[in-house]
Amino acid sequence: GVALLSVPVQAEDLTFDTPSKAPVPRWAMLRRNEVYARNGPSKDNPKVWTYRVASLPVQIISETRDWRLICDPDGGVAWVSKTMLQAPRTVMSPFQAKLSLHSGADEGSPVKAIVRPKVLAQLVQCHKAWCKVSGDGVRGWAPQASLWGTQTTAVCTRPNPFASN
């Protein structure tokens, strides 16, 4: 028989069958205050809207060599140039509700601050379903499930190009 040596796989050692060799879906954030969203992966495709919020967290749900299909917090799906994206460092508070930031990573810890809906914050770290965030001079913990930008599964579905409107 052949003895197989078990070696733990490091996350950075994994490569994926994508042009970037990175997993899809994954998180990114907008690099600039003006990012054109297009209905296809090239500059020949018409602009469908313009994003005007640098650091907005978006989820990459598909990609080509130079373009990324992203999902935004409003559920919009469009193509943007990969040069308009950078590594994810922000999250957004819930859309309909205020968010309590706790002093510790549990519901029983004291509330340090209340955050308005749709506020951007820096993502510090996540641990056991809680994430530490920072913004406007306040740091605190929030349930990971309540933050846009921390989901590990796709939050938008890729549009069917053959669907009739």
C-alpha atoms as a PDB file:
ATOM      1  CA  GLY A   1       0.000   0.000   0.000  1.00  0.00           C
ATOM      2  CA  VAL A   2       0.939   3.653  -0.428  1.00  0.00           C
ATOM      3  CA  ALA A   3       1.092   5.842   2.645  1.00  0.00           C
ATOM      4  CA  LEU A   4      -0.520   9.252   2.074  1.00  0.00           C
ATOM      5  CA  LEU A   5       0.811  12.115   4.106  1.00  0.00           C
ATOM      6  CA  SER A   6      -1.980  14.398   5.279  1.00  0.00           C
ATOM      7  CA  VAL A   7      -1.005  18.050   5.028  1.00  0.00           C
ATOM      8  CA  PRO A   8      -3.426  20.788   6.079  1.00  0.00           C
ATOM      9  CA  VAL A   9      -4.367  23.059   3.179  1.00  0.00           C
ATOM     10  CA  GLN A  10      -3.808  26.751   3.762  1.00  0.00           C
ATOM     11  CA  ALA A  11      -6.488  29.066   2.316  1.00  0.00           C
ATOM     12  CA  GLU A  12      -3.896  30.965   0.268  1.00  0.00           C
ATOM     13  CA  ASP A  13      -2.732  27.676  -1.293  1.00  0.00           C
ATOM     14  CA  LEU A  14      -6.128  27.026  -2.866  1.00  0.00           C
ATOM     15  CA  THR A  15      -6.699  27.997  -6.479  1.00  0.00           C
ATOM     16  CA  PHE A  16     -10.102  28.125  -8.124  1.00  0.00           C
ATOM     17  CA  ASP A  17     -11.239  27.608 -11.698  1.00  0.00           C
ATOM     18  CA  THR A  18     -11.755  31.330 -12.282  1.00  0.00           C
ATOM     19  CA  PRO A  19      -9.664  33.812 -14.291  1.00  0.00           C
ATOM     20  CA  SER A  20      -8.376  35.365 -11.037  1.00  0.00           C
ATOM     21  CA  LYS A  21      -7.900  31.937  -9.359  1.00  0.00           C
ATOM     22  CA  ALA A  22     -10.006  33.340  -6.480  1.00  0.00           C
ATOM     23  CA  PRO A  23     -13.314  31.902  -5.207  1.00  0.00           C
ATOM     24  CA  VAL A  24     -16.730  33.075  -6.401  1.00  0.00           C
ATOM     25  CA  PRO A  25     -18.703  34.401  -4.626  1.00  0.00           C
ATOM     26  CA  ARG A  26     -16.309  36.676  -2.725  1.00  0.00           C
ATOM     27  CA  TRP A  27     -16.392  40.198  -1.329  1.00  0.00           C
ATOM     28  CA  ALA A  28     -14.786  43.384  -2.626  1.00  0.00           C
ATOM     29  CA  MET A  29     -15.410  47.091  -2.283  1.00  0.00           C
ATOM     30  CA  LEU A  30     -15.637  49.888  -4.810  1.00  0.00           C
ATOM     31  CA  ARG A  31     -12.344  51.728  -5.299  1.00  0.00           C
ATOM     32  CA  ARG A  32     -13.720  55.109  -6.448  1.00  0.00           C
ATOM     33  CA  ASN A  33     -16.623  57.536  -6.022  1.00  0.00           C
ATOM     34  CA  GLU A  34     -17.617  56.988  -9.653  1.00  0.00           C
ATOM     35  CA  VAL A  35     -17.849  53.419 -10.946  1.00  0.00           C
ATOM     36  CA  TYR A  36     -19.783  52.570 -14.103  1.00  0.00           C
ATOM     37  CA  ALA A  37     -22.013  49.497 -13.990  1.00  0.00           C
ATOM     38  CA  ARG A  38     -22.582  47.847 -17.369  1.00  0.00           C
ATOM     39  CA  ASN A  39     -24.940  45.177 -18.677  1.00  0.00           C
ATOM     40  CA  GLY A  40     -22.047  43.072 -20.015  1.00  0.00           C
ATOM     41  CA  PRO A  41     -18.312  42.497 -19.479  1.00  0.00           C
ATOM     42  CA  SER A  42     -16.857  45.128 -21.833  1.00  0.00           C
ATOM     43  CA  LYS A  43     -16.745  48.886 -22.410  1.00  0.00           C
ATOM     44  CA  ASP A  44     -18.853  48.268 -25.522  1.00  0.00           C
ATOM     45  CA  ASN A  45     -21.761  47.305 -23.254  1.00  0.00           C
ATOM     46  CA  PRO A  46     -24.041  50.187 -22.224  1.00  0.00           C
ATOM     47  CA  LYS A  47     -23.862  51.698 -18.745  1.00  0.00           C
ATOM     48  CA  VAL A  48     -26.900  50.750 -16.696  1.00  0.00           C
ATOM     49  CA  TRP A  49     -26.065  52.974 -13.712  1.00  0.00           C
ATOM     50  CA  THR A  50     -23.177  54.669 -11.910  1.00  0.00           C
ATOM     51  CA  TYR A  51     -22.121  53.866  -8.364  1.00  0.00           C
ATOM     52  CA  ARG A  52     -21.154  56.972  -6.376  1.00  0.00           C
ATOM     53  CA  VAL A  53     -19.984  55.483  -3.056  1.00  0.00           C
ATOM     54  CA  ALA A  54     -16.316  54.569  -2.708  1.00  0.00           C
ATOM     55  CA  SER A  55     -15.795  51.655  -0.270  1.00  0.00           C
ATOM     56  CA  LEU A  56     -19.300  50.255  -0.917  1.00  0.00           C
ATOM     57  CA  PRO A  57     -19.149  46.509  -0.163  1.00  0.00           C
ATOM     58  CA  VAL A  58     -20.166  44.386  -3.169  1.00  0.00           C
ATOM     59  CA  GLN A  59     -20.171  40.660  -3.787  1.00  0.00           C
ATOM     60  CA  ILE A  60     -18.440  39.279  -6.879  1.00  0.00           C
ATOM     61  CA  ILE A  61     -20.678  36.510  -8.234  1.00  0.00           C
ATOM     62  CA  SER A  62     -18.955  35.843 -11.581  1.00  0.00           C
ATOM     63  CA  GLU A  63     -15.934  37.071 -13.500  1.00  0.00           C
ATOM     64  CA  THR A  64     -14.047  37.260 -16.755  1.00  0.00           C
ATOM     65  CA  ARG A  65     -10.357  38.109 -17.070  1.00  0.00           C
ATOM     66  CA  ASP A  66     -10.963  41.891 -16.808  1.00  0.00           C
ATOM     67  CA  TRP A  67     -14.537  42.223 -15.532  1.00  0.00           C
ATOM     68  CA  ARG A  68     -16.473  41.266 -12.408  1.00  0.00           C
ATOM     69  CA  LEU A  69     -20.213  40.625 -12.122  1.00  0.00           C
ATOM     70  CA  ILE A  70     -21.168  42.205  -8.805  1.00  0.00           C
ATOM     71  CA  CYS A  71     -24.189  42.278  -6.541  1.00  0.00           C
ATOM     72  CA  ASP A  72     -24.795  45.510  -4.609  1.00  0.00           C
ATOM     73  CA  PRO A  73     -26.661  46.148  -1.321  1.00  0.00           C
ATOM     74  CA  ASP A  74     -29.846  47.093  -3.213  1.00  0.00           C
ATOM     75  CA  GLY A  75     -29.843  43.770  -5.073  1.00  0.00           C
ATOM     76  CA  GLY A  76     -28.575  45.282  -8.323  1.00  0.00           C
ATOM     77  CA  VAL A  77     -26.397  43.030 -10.478  1.00  0.00           C
ATOM     78  CA  ALA A  78     -24.038  44.483 -13.095  1.00  0.00           C
ATOM     79  CA  TRP A  79     -20.551  44.206 -14.587  1.00  0.00           C
ATOM     80  CA  VAL A  80     -17.726  46.491 -13.465  1.00  0.00           C
ATOM     81  CA  SER A  81     -14.069  46.628 -14.479  1.00  0.00           C
ATOM     82  CA  LYS A  82     -11.835  44.709 -12.074  1.00  0.00           C
ATOM     83  CA  THR A  83      -9.699  47.870 -11.765  1.00  0.00           C
ATOM     84  CA  MET A  84     -12.627  49.570  -9.984  1.00  0.00           C
ATOM     85  CA  LEU A  85     -12.582  47.035  -7.123  1.00  0.00           C
ATOM     86  CA  GLN A  86     -10.252  46.457  -4.197  1.00  0.00           C
ATOM     87  CA  ALA A  87      -9.953  44.113  -1.233  1.00  0.00           C
ATOM     88  CA  PRO A  88     -12.972  44.110   1.095  1.00  0.00           C
ATOM     89  CA  ARG A  89     -12.634  46.118   4.288  1.00  0.00           C
ATOM     90  CA  THR A  90     -16.139  47.502   4.757  1.00  0.00           C
ATOM     91  CA  VAL A  91     -19.572  46.219   5.726  1.00  0.00           C
ATOM     92  CA  MET A  92     -22.976  47.907   5.812  1.00  0.00           C
ATOM     93  CA  SER A  93     -25.543  47.950   8.603  1.00  0.00           C
ATOM     94  CA  PRO A  94     -29.028  46.536   7.895  1.00  0.00           C
ATOM     95  CA  PHE A  95     -31.323  48.432   5.533  1.00  0.00           C
ATOM     96  CA  GLN A  96     -34.564  48.560   7.516  1.00  0.00           C
ATOM     97  CA  ALA A  97     -33.397  48.479  11.106  1.00  0.00           C
ATOM     98  CA  LYS A  98     -30.965  50.156  13.455  1.00  0.00           C
ATOM     99  CA  LEU A  99     -28.065  48.005  14.598  1.00  0.00           C
ATOM    100  CA  SER A 100     -26.809  47.660  18.177  1.00  0.00           C
ATOM    101  CA  LEU A 101     -23.034  47.531  18.590  1.00  0.00           C
ATOM    102  CA  HIS A 102     -22.070  45.537  21.685  1.00  0.00           C
ATOM    103  CA  SER A 103     -18.917  45.754  23.804  1.00  0.00           C
ATOM    104  CA  GLY A 104     -18.396  41.999  23.406  1.00  0.00           C
ATOM    105  CA  ALA A 105     -19.223  39.228  20.953  1.00  0.00           C
ATOM    106  CA  ASP A 106     -22.512  38.239  22.571  1.00  0.00           C
ATOM    107  CA  GLU A 107     -26.068  39.534  22.901  1.00  0.00           C
ATOM    108  CA  GLY A 108     -25.735  39.892  26.679  1.00  0.00           C
ATOM    109  CA  SER A 109     -22.828  42.354  26.557  1.00  0.00           C
ATOM    110  CA  PRO A 110     -23.563  46.077  27.004  1.00  0.00           C
ATOM    111  CA  VAL A 111     -24.635  48.100  23.955  1.00  0.00           C
ATOM    112  CA  LYS A 112     -21.992  50.725  23.095  1.00  0.00           C
ATOM    113  CA  ALA A 113     -23.792  52.423  20.209  1.00  0.00           C
ATOM    114  CA  ILE A 114     -26.822  52.293  17.941  1.00  0.00           C
ATOM    115  CA  VAL A 115     -26.077  52.549  14.216  1.00  0.00           C
ATOM    116  CA  ARG A 116     -28.533  53.945  11.657  1.00  0.00           C
ATOM    117  CA  PRO A 117     -29.621  51.777   8.689  1.00  0.00           C
ATOM    118  CA  LYS A 118     -27.309  51.585   5.644  1.00  0.00           C
ATOM    119  CA  VAL A 119     -24.172  52.928   7.371  1.00  0.00           C
ATOM    120  CA  LEU A 120     -20.723  51.837   6.153  1.00  0.00           C
ATOM    121  CA  ALA A 121     -18.230  50.590   8.737  1.00  0.00           C
ATOM    122  CA  GLN A 122     -14.724  49.147   8.664  1.00  0.00           C
ATOM    123  CA  LEU A 123     -14.660  45.392   9.212  1.00  0.00           C
ATOM    124  CA  VAL A 124     -12.083  44.614  11.920  1.00  0.00           C
ATOM    125  CA  GLN A 125     -12.600  40.859  12.438  1.00  0.00           C
ATOM    126  CA  CYS A 126     -15.250  38.134  12.697  1.00  0.00           C
ATOM    127  CA  HIS A 127     -15.332  35.406  15.335  1.00  0.00           C
ATOM    128  CA  LYS A 128     -18.020  32.803  16.092  1.00  0.00           C
ATOM    129  CA  ALA A 129     -20.886  34.516  14.195  1.00  0.00           C
ATOM    130  CA  TRP A 130     -20.015  38.001  15.526  1.00  0.00           C
ATOM    131  CA  CYS A 131     -18.014  40.728  13.789  1.00  0.00           C
ATOM    132  CA  LYS A 132     -16.114  43.662  15.257  1.00  0.00           C
ATOM    133  CA  VAL A 133     -16.690  46.845  13.263  1.00  0.00           C
ATOM    134  CA  SER A 134     -15.416  50.385  13.513  1.00  0.00           C
ATOM    135  CA  GLY A 135     -16.822  53.666  12.279  1.00  0.00           C
ATOM    136  CA  ASP A 136     -17.218  57.295  13.336  1.00  0.00           C
ATOM    137  CA  GLY A 137     -14.945  56.726  16.343  1.00  0.00           C
ATOM    138  CA  VAL A 138     -17.013  53.806  17.645  1.00  0.00           C
ATOM    139  CA  ARG A 139     -15.923  50.162  17.763  1.00  0.00           C
ATOM    140  CA  GLY A 140     -18.199  47.320  18.687  1.00  0.00           C
ATOM    141  CA  TRP A 141     -19.486  43.832  17.938  1.00  0.00           C
ATOM    142  CA  ALA A 142     -22.560  42.957  15.857  1.00  0.00           C
ATOM    143  CA  PRO A 143     -24.086  39.647  14.786  1.00  0.00           C
ATOM    144  CA  GLN A 144     -22.428  38.616  11.526  1.00  0.00           C
ATOM    145  CA  ALA A 145     -25.808  37.733   9.995  1.00  0.00           C
ATOM    146  CA  SER A 146     -26.978  41.350  10.381  1.00  0.00           C
ATOM    147  CA  LEU A 147     -24.108  42.846   8.334  1.00  0.00           C
ATOM    148  CA  TRP A 148     -24.088  43.176   4.535  1.00  0.00           C
ATOM    149  CA  GLY A 149     -20.631  42.117   3.370  1.00  0.00           C
ATOM    150  CA  THR A 150     -19.937  39.054   5.508  1.00  0.00           C
ATOM    151  CA  GLN A 151     -22.095  36.351   3.886  1.00  0.00           C
ATOM    152  CA  THR A 152     -20.245  33.292   2.617  1.00  0.00           C
ATOM    153  CA  THR A 153     -22.919  32.298   0.094  1.00  0.00           C
ATOM    154  CA  ALA A 154     -24.177  34.223  -2.949  1.00  0.00           C
ATOM    155  CA  VAL A 155     -26.549  37.012  -1.958  1.00  0.00           C
ATOM    156  CA  CYS A 156     -27.814  37.705  -5.490  1.00  0.00           C
ATOM    157  CA  THR A 157     -28.517  35.301  -8.286  1.00  0.00           C
ATOM    158  CA  ARG A 158     -26.902  35.772 -11.649  1.00  0.00           C
ATOM    159  CA  PRO A 159     -29.532  37.072 -14.084  1.00  0.00           C
ATOM    160  CA  ASN A 160     -30.728  34.682 -16.777  1.00  0.00           C
ATOM    161  CA  PRO A 161     -29.669  36.305 -20.083  1.00  0.00           C
ATOM    162  CA  PHE A 162     -32.493  34.484 -21.875  1.00  0.00           C
ATOM    163  CA  ALA A 163     -35.303  35.571 -19.559  1.00  0.00           C
ATOM    164  CA  SER A 164     -37.893  37.845 -21.113  1.00  0.00           C
ATOM    165  CA  ASN A 165     -38.668  41.029 -19.168  1.00  0.00           C
END
